[in-house]
Amino acid sequence: ELPTGQPVDVEVQSAGFPSRTLRVNRTE
């Protein structure tokens, strides 16, 4: 479902605690 043509912010949650987001430049 992830739309293409835009940056992607990735976040990991473990046991309910989130990480800071890490940005990937784009989706293709």
PDB file of all heavy atoms in Angstrom:
ATOM      1  N   GLU A   1       0.818  -1.227   0.000  1.00  0.00           N
ATOM      2  CA  GLU A   1       0.000   0.000   0.000  1.00  0.00           C
ATOM      3  C   GLU A   1       0.848   1.272   0.000  1.00  0.00           C
ATOM      4  O   GLU A   1       0.325   2.359  -0.202  1.00  0.00           O
ATOM      5  CB  GLU A   1      -0.903   0.023   1.249  1.00  0.00           C
ATOM      6  CG  GLU A   1      -1.883  -1.116   1.327  1.00  0.00           C
ATOM      7  CD  GLU A   1      -1.289  -2.383   1.951  1.00  0.00           C
ATOM      8  OE1 GLU A   1      -0.123  -2.382   2.384  1.00  0.00           O
ATOM      9  OE2 GLU A   1      -2.010  -3.390   1.977  1.00  0.00           O
ATOM     10  N   LEU A   2       2.147   1.158   0.218  1.00  0.00           N
ATOM     11  CA  LEU A   2       3.012   2.332   0.310  1.00  0.00           C
ATOM     12  C   LEU A   2       3.071   3.055  -1.031  1.00  0.00           C
ATOM     13  O   LEU A   2       3.462   2.476  -2.038  1.00  0.00           O
ATOM     14  CB  LEU A   2       4.417   1.899   0.734  1.00  0.00           C
ATOM     15  CG  LEU A   2       5.365   3.004   1.166  1.00  0.00           C
ATOM     16  CD1 LEU A   2       4.880   3.633   2.467  1.00  0.00           C
ATOM     17  CD2 LEU A   2       6.759   2.449   1.343  1.00  0.00           C
ATOM     18  N   PRO A   3       2.658   4.332  -1.069  1.00  0.00           N
ATOM     19  CA  PRO A   3       2.688   5.072  -2.332  1.00  0.00           C
ATOM     20  C   PRO A   3       4.125   5.311  -2.808  1.00  0.00           C
ATOM     21  O   PRO A   3       5.038   5.443  -2.001  1.00  0.00           O
ATOM     22  CB  PRO A   3       2.010   6.402  -2.010  1.00  0.00           C
ATOM     23  CG  PRO A   3       1.545   6.327  -0.619  1.00  0.00           C
ATOM     24  CD  PRO A   3       2.114   5.110   0.022  1.00  0.00           C
ATOM     25  N   THR A   4       4.310   5.365  -4.117  1.00  0.00           N
ATOM     26  CA  THR A   4       5.640   5.594  -4.683  1.00  0.00           C
ATOM     27  C   THR A   4       5.868   7.082  -4.931  1.00  0.00           C
ATOM     28  O   THR A   4       4.941   7.876  -4.932  1.00  0.00           O
ATOM     29  CB  THR A   4       5.815   4.807  -5.993  1.00  0.00           C
ATOM     30  OG1 THR A   4       4.821   5.217  -6.918  1.00  0.00           O
ATOM     31  CG2 THR A   4       5.716   3.321  -5.754  1.00  0.00           C
ATOM     32  N   GLY A   5       7.144   7.436  -5.144  1.00  0.00           N
ATOM     33  CA  GLY A   5       7.507   8.801  -5.500  1.00  0.00           C
ATOM     34  C   GLY A   5       7.644   9.752  -4.335  1.00  0.00           C
ATOM     35  O   GLY A   5       7.606  10.960  -4.537  1.00  0.00           O
ATOM     36  N   GLN A   6       7.812   9.254  -3.126  1.00  0.00           N
ATOM     37  CA  GLN A   6       7.964  10.145  -1.976  1.00  0.00           C
ATOM     38  C   GLN A   6       8.943   9.548  -0.975  1.00  0.00           C
ATOM     39  O   GLN A   6       9.217   8.349  -1.010  1.00  0.00           O
ATOM     40  CB  GLN A   6       6.622  10.392  -1.317  1.00  0.00           C
ATOM     41  CG  GLN A   6       5.940   9.159  -0.775  1.00  0.00           C
ATOM     42  CD  GLN A   6       4.546   9.465  -0.267  1.00  0.00           C
ATOM     43  OE1 GLN A   6       4.070  10.570  -0.347  1.00  0.00           O
ATOM     44  NE2 GLN A   6       3.892   8.459   0.270  1.00  0.00           N
ATOM     45  N   PRO A   7       9.504  10.373  -0.059  1.00  0.00           N
ATOM     46  CA  PRO A   7      10.387   9.832   0.977  1.00  0.00           C
ATOM     47  C   PRO A   7       9.613   8.906   1.916  1.00  0.00           C
ATOM     48  O   PRO A   7       8.398   8.992   2.035  1.00  0.00           O
ATOM     49  CB  PRO A   7      10.865  11.075   1.730  1.00  0.00           C
ATOM     50  CG  PRO A   7      10.553  12.222   0.854  1.00  0.00           C
ATOM     51  CD  PRO A   7       9.401  11.822  -0.003  1.00  0.00           C
ATOM     52  N   VAL A   8      10.357   8.021   2.589  1.00  0.00           N
ATOM     53  CA  VAL A   8       9.747   7.064   3.513  1.00  0.00           C
ATOM     54  C   VAL A   8      10.393   7.221   4.887  1.00  0.00           C
ATOM     55  O   VAL A   8      11.613   7.158   5.005  1.00  0.00           O
ATOM     56  CB  VAL A   8       9.952   5.616   3.031  1.00  0.00           C
ATOM     57  CG1 VAL A   8       9.301   4.635   3.992  1.00  0.00           C
ATOM     58  CG2 VAL A   8       9.407   5.422   1.637  1.00  0.00           C
ATOM     59  N   ASP A   9       9.565   7.427   5.906  1.00  0.00           N
ATOM     60  CA  ASP A   9      10.044   7.461   7.283  1.00  0.00           C
ATOM     61  C   ASP A   9       9.815   6.085   7.896  1.00  0.00           C
ATOM     62  O   ASP A   9       8.691   5.603   7.956  1.00  0.00           O
ATOM     63  CB  ASP A   9       9.312   8.533   8.092  1.00  0.00           C
ATOM     64  CG  ASP A   9       9.696   9.937   7.657  1.00  0.00           C
ATOM     65  OD1 ASP A   9      10.856  10.132   7.255  1.00  0.00           O
ATOM     66  OD2 ASP A   9       8.845  10.838   7.719  1.00  0.00           O
ATOM     67  N   VAL A  10      10.908   5.449   8.339  1.00  0.00           N
ATOM     68  CA  VAL A  10      10.862   4.108   8.908  1.00  0.00           C
ATOM     69  C   VAL A  10      10.981   4.221  10.424  1.00  0.00           C
ATOM     70  O   VAL A  10      11.858   4.928  10.928  1.00  0.00           O
ATOM     71  CB  VAL A  10      12.010   3.236   8.357  1.00  0.00           C
ATOM     72  CG1 VAL A  10      11.940   1.826   8.923  1.00  0.00           C
ATOM     73  CG2 VAL A  10      11.990   3.215   6.835  1.00  0.00           C
ATOM     74  N   GLU A  11      10.090   3.523  11.140  1.00  0.00           N
ATOM     75  CA  GLU A  11      10.120   3.511  12.601  1.00  0.00           C
ATOM     76  C   GLU A  11       9.966   2.077  13.091  1.00  0.00           C
ATOM     77  O   GLU A  11       9.135   1.330  12.577  1.00  0.00           O
ATOM     78  CB  GLU A  11       8.983   4.353  13.168  1.00  0.00           C
ATOM     79  CG  GLU A  11       8.893   4.331  14.683  1.00  0.00           C
ATOM     80  CD  GLU A  11       7.664   5.049  15.188  1.00  0.00           C
ATOM     81  OE1 GLU A  11       7.572   6.274  14.997  1.00  0.00           O
ATOM     82  OE2 GLU A  11       6.792   4.382  15.768  1.00  0.00           O
ATOM     83  N   VAL A  12      10.756   1.705  14.086  1.00  0.00           N
ATOM     84  CA  VAL A  12      10.660   0.390  14.714  1.00  0.00           C
ATOM     85  C   VAL A  12      10.114   0.586  16.119  1.00  0.00           C
ATOM     86  O   VAL A  12      10.554   1.484  16.839  1.00  0.00           O
ATOM     87  CB  VAL A  12      12.035  -0.311  14.785  1.00  0.00           C
ATOM     88  CG1 VAL A  12      11.934  -1.633  15.530  1.00  0.00           C
ATOM     89  CG2 VAL A  12      12.589  -0.534  13.394  1.00  0.00           C
ATOM     90  N   GLN A  13       9.153  -0.258  16.497  1.00  0.00           N
ATOM     91  CA  GLN A  13       8.646  -0.269  17.866  1.00  0.00           C
ATOM     92  C   GLN A  13       8.936  -1.635  18.458  1.00  0.00           C
ATOM     93  O   GLN A  13       8.680  -2.656  17.825  1.00  0.00           O
ATOM     94  CB  GLN A  13       7.143  -0.008  17.917  1.00  0.00           C
ATOM     95  CG  GLN A  13       6.755   1.387  17.543  1.00  0.00           C
ATOM     96  CD  GLN A  13       5.261   1.606  17.666  1.00  0.00           C
ATOM     97  OE1 GLN A  13       4.517   0.729  18.087  1.00  0.00           O
ATOM     98  NE2 GLN A  13       4.815   2.784  17.294  1.00  0.00           N
ATOM     99  N   SER A  14       9.485  -1.638  19.668  1.00  0.00           N
ATOM    100  CA  SER A  14       9.748  -2.886  20.374  1.00  0.00           C
ATOM    101  C   SER A  14       9.147  -2.778  21.760  1.00  0.00           C
ATOM    102  O   SER A  14       9.472  -1.852  22.508  1.00  0.00           O
ATOM    103  CB  SER A  14      11.247  -3.146  20.457  1.00  0.00           C
ATOM    104  OG  SER A  14      11.497  -4.360  21.135  1.00  0.00           O
ATOM    105  N   ALA A  15       8.246  -3.707  22.072  1.00  0.00           N
ATOM    106  CA  ALA A  15       7.548  -3.718  23.357  1.00  0.00           C
ATOM    107  C   ALA A  15       6.881  -2.372  23.632  1.00  0.00           C
ATOM    108  O   ALA A  15       6.840  -1.899  24.757  1.00  0.00           O
ATOM    109  CB  ALA A  15       8.504  -4.093  24.483  1.00  0.00           C
ATOM    110  N   GLY A  16       6.392  -1.730  22.571  1.00  0.00           N
ATOM    111  CA  GLY A  16       5.684  -0.466  22.713  1.00  0.00           C
ATOM    112  C   GLY A  16       6.560   0.767  22.726  1.00  0.00           C
ATOM    113  O   GLY A  16       6.062   1.885  22.739  1.00  0.00           O
ATOM    114  N   PHE A  17       7.887   0.611  22.717  1.00  0.00           N
ATOM    115  CA  PHE A  17       8.797   1.747  22.722  1.00  0.00           C
ATOM    116  C   PHE A  17       9.264   2.017  21.298  1.00  0.00           C
ATOM    117  O   PHE A  17       9.807   1.131  20.638  1.00  0.00           O
ATOM    118  CB  PHE A  17      10.004   1.479  23.626  1.00  0.00           C
ATOM    119  CG  PHE A  17       9.641   1.350  25.073  1.00  0.00           C
ATOM    120  CD1 PHE A  17       9.495   0.104  25.647  1.00  0.00           C
ATOM    121  CD2 PHE A  17       9.423   2.476  25.853  1.00  0.00           C
ATOM    122  CE1 PHE A  17       9.148  -0.027  26.972  1.00  0.00           C
ATOM    123  CE2 PHE A  17       9.076   2.365  27.188  1.00  0.00           C
ATOM    124  CZ  PHE A  17       8.936   1.104  27.755  1.00  0.00           C
ATOM    125  N   PRO A  18       9.080   3.258  20.790  1.00  0.00           N
ATOM    126  CA  PRO A  18       9.452   3.558  19.400  1.00  0.00           C
ATOM    127  C   PRO A  18      10.899   4.013  19.258  1.00  0.00           C
ATOM    128  O   PRO A  18      11.494   4.560  20.188  1.00  0.00           O
ATOM    129  CB  PRO A  18       8.505   4.701  19.039  1.00  0.00           C
ATOM    130  CG  PRO A  18       8.311   5.420  20.345  1.00  0.00           C
ATOM    131  CD  PRO A  18       8.343   4.348  21.413  1.00  0.00           C
ATOM    132  N   SER A  19      11.444   3.794  18.074  1.00  0.00           N
ATOM    133  CA  SER A  19      12.746   4.356  17.720  1.00  0.00           C
ATOM    134  C   SER A  19      12.502   5.743  17.129  1.00  0.00           C
ATOM    135  O   SER A  19      11.371   6.117  16.832  1.00  0.00           O
ATOM    136  CB  SER A  19      13.438   3.478  16.672  1.00  0.00           C
ATOM    137  OG  SER A  19      12.733   3.542  15.438  1.00  0.00           O
ATOM    138  N   ARG A  20      13.574   6.474  16.912  1.00  0.00           N
ATOM    139  CA  ARG A  20      13.466   7.676  16.087  1.00  0.00           C
ATOM    140  C   ARG A  20      13.287   7.209  14.657  1.00  0.00           C
ATOM    141  O   ARG A  20      13.724   6.130  14.281  1.00  0.00           O
ATOM    142  CB  ARG A  20      14.735   8.516  16.192  1.00  0.00           C
ATOM    143  CG  ARG A  20      14.890   9.182  17.519  1.00  0.00           C
ATOM    144  CD  ARG A  20      16.059  10.127  17.499  1.00  0.00           C
ATOM    145  NE  ARG A  20      16.134  10.811  18.768  1.00  0.00           N
ATOM    146  CZ  ARG A  20      17.148  11.551  19.137  1.00  0.00           C
ATOM    147  NH1 ARG A  20      18.189  11.703  18.332  1.00  0.00           N
ATOM    148  NH2 ARG A  20      17.144  12.144  20.293  1.00  0.00           N
ATOM    149  N   THR A  21      12.654   8.020  13.847  1.00  0.00           N
ATOM    150  CA  THR A  21      12.455   7.615  12.458  1.00  0.00           C
ATOM    151  C   THR A  21      13.750   7.797  11.674  1.00  0.00           C
ATOM    152  O   THR A  21      14.571   8.652  11.987  1.00  0.00           O
ATOM    153  CB  THR A  21      11.331   8.424  11.784  1.00  0.00           C
ATOM    154  OG1 THR A  21      11.664   9.803  11.829  1.00  0.00           O
ATOM    155  CG2 THR A  21       9.999   8.173  12.464  1.00  0.00           C
ATOM    156  N   LEU A  22      13.903   6.946  10.678  1.00  0.00           N
ATOM    157  CA  LEU A  22      15.025   7.020   9.759  1.00  0.00           C
ATOM    158  C   LEU A  22      14.435   7.210   8.368  1.00  0.00           C
ATOM    159  O   LEU A  22      13.558   6.442   7.963  1.00  0.00           O
ATOM    160  CB  LEU A  22      15.846   5.733   9.833  1.00  0.00           C
ATOM    161  CG  LEU A  22      17.185   5.711   9.121  1.00  0.00           C
ATOM    162  CD1 LEU A  22      18.133   6.746   9.727  1.00  0.00           C
ATOM    163  CD2 LEU A  22      17.819   4.335   9.247  1.00  0.00           C
ATOM    164  N   ARG A  23      14.860   8.221   7.650  1.00  0.00           N
ATOM    165  CA  ARG A  23      14.273   8.543   6.352  1.00  0.00           C
ATOM    166  C   ARG A  23      15.040   7.882   5.212  1.00  0.00           C
ATOM    167  O   ARG A  23      16.254   7.958   5.133  1.00  0.00           O
ATOM    168  CB  ARG A  23      14.244  10.046   6.128  1.00  0.00           C
ATOM    169  CG  ARG A  23      13.650  10.412   4.763  1.00  0.00           C
ATOM    170  CD  ARG A  23      13.190  11.811   4.697  1.00  0.00           C
ATOM    171  NE  ARG A  23      11.898  11.876   5.360  1.00  0.00           N
ATOM    172  CZ  ARG A  23      11.122  12.952   5.320  1.00  0.00           C
ATOM    173  NH1 ARG A  23      11.491  14.022   4.688  1.00  0.00           N
ATOM    174  NH2 ARG A  23       9.965  12.943   5.952  1.00  0.00           N
ATOM    175  N   VAL A  24      14.275   7.227   4.329  1.00  0.00           N
ATOM    176  CA  VAL A  24      14.791   6.692   3.073  1.00  0.00           C
ATOM    177  C   VAL A  24      14.362   7.687   2.000  1.00  0.00           C
ATOM    178  O   VAL A  24      13.227   8.165   2.002  1.00  0.00           O
ATOM    179  CB  VAL A  24      14.224   5.284   2.787  1.00  0.00           C
ATOM    180  CG1 VAL A  24      14.706   4.768   1.451  1.00  0.00           C
ATOM    181  CG2 VAL A  24      14.623   4.326   3.904  1.00  0.00           C
ATOM    182  N   ASN A  25      15.255   8.001   1.060  1.00  0.00           N
ATOM    183  CA  ASN A  25      15.039   9.079   0.090  1.00  0.00           C
ATOM    184  C   ASN A  25      13.735   9.006  -0.684  1.00  0.00           C
ATOM    185  O   ASN A  25      13.067  10.011  -0.872  1.00  0.00           O
ATOM    186  CB  ASN A  25      16.190   9.162  -0.903  1.00  0.00           C
ATOM    187  CG  ASN A  25      17.457   9.654  -0.251  1.00  0.00           C
ATOM    188  OD1 ASN A  25      17.438  10.182   0.843  1.00  0.00           O
ATOM    189  ND2 ASN A  25      18.578   9.451  -0.917  1.00  0.00           N
ATOM    190  N   ARG A  26      13.361   7.797  -1.154  1.00  0.00           N
ATOM    191  CA  ARG A  26      12.186   7.741  -2.024  1.00  0.00           C
ATOM    192  C   ARG A  26      11.657   6.314  -2.135  1.00  0.00           C
ATOM    193  O   ARG A  26      12.322   5.354  -1.755  1.00  0.00           O
ATOM    194  CB  ARG A  26      12.514   8.274  -3.413  1.00  0.00           C
ATOM    195  CG  ARG A  26      13.509   7.411  -4.174  1.00  0.00           C
ATOM    196  CD  ARG A  26      13.980   8.063  -5.467  1.00  0.00           C
ATOM    197  NE  ARG A  26      14.941   7.243  -6.166  1.00  0.00           N
ATOM    198  CZ  ARG A  26      16.221   7.133  -5.845  1.00  0.00           C
ATOM    199  NH1 ARG A  26      16.691   7.784  -4.827  1.00  0.00           N
ATOM    200  NH2 ARG A  26      17.028   6.354  -6.543  1.00  0.00           N
ATOM    201  N   THR A  27      10.476   6.208  -2.727  1.00  0.00           N
ATOM    202  CA  THR A  27       9.938   4.904  -3.111  1.00  0.00           C
ATOM    203  C   THR A  27       9.876   4.872  -4.629  1.00  0.00           C
ATOM    204  O   THR A  27       9.643   5.888  -5.272  1.00  0.00           O
ATOM    205  CB  THR A  27       8.529   4.664  -2.539  1.00  0.00           C
ATOM    206  OG1 THR A  27       7.702   5.760  -2.895  1.00  0.00           O
ATOM    207  CG2 THR A  27       8.567   4.493  -1.043  1.00  0.00           C
ATOM    208  N   GLU A  28      10.116   3.698  -5.172  1.00  0.00           N
ATOM    209  CA  GLU A  28      10.059   3.499  -6.616  1.00  0.00           C
ATOM    210  C   GLU A  28       9.068   2.392  -6.906  1.00  0.00           C
ATOM    211  O   GLU A  28       8.831   1.525  -6.063  1.00  0.00           O
ATOM    212  CB  GLU A  28      11.442   3.111  -7.153  1.00  0.00           C
ATOM    213  CG  GLU A  28      12.499   4.169  -6.943  1.00  0.00           C
ATOM    214  CD  GLU A  28      13.883   3.698  -7.384  1.00  0.00           C
ATOM    215  OE1 GLU A  28      14.089   2.485  -7.552  1.00  0.00           O
ATOM    216  OE2 GLU A  28      14.752   4.560  -7.534  1.00  0.00           O
TER     217      GLU A  28
END
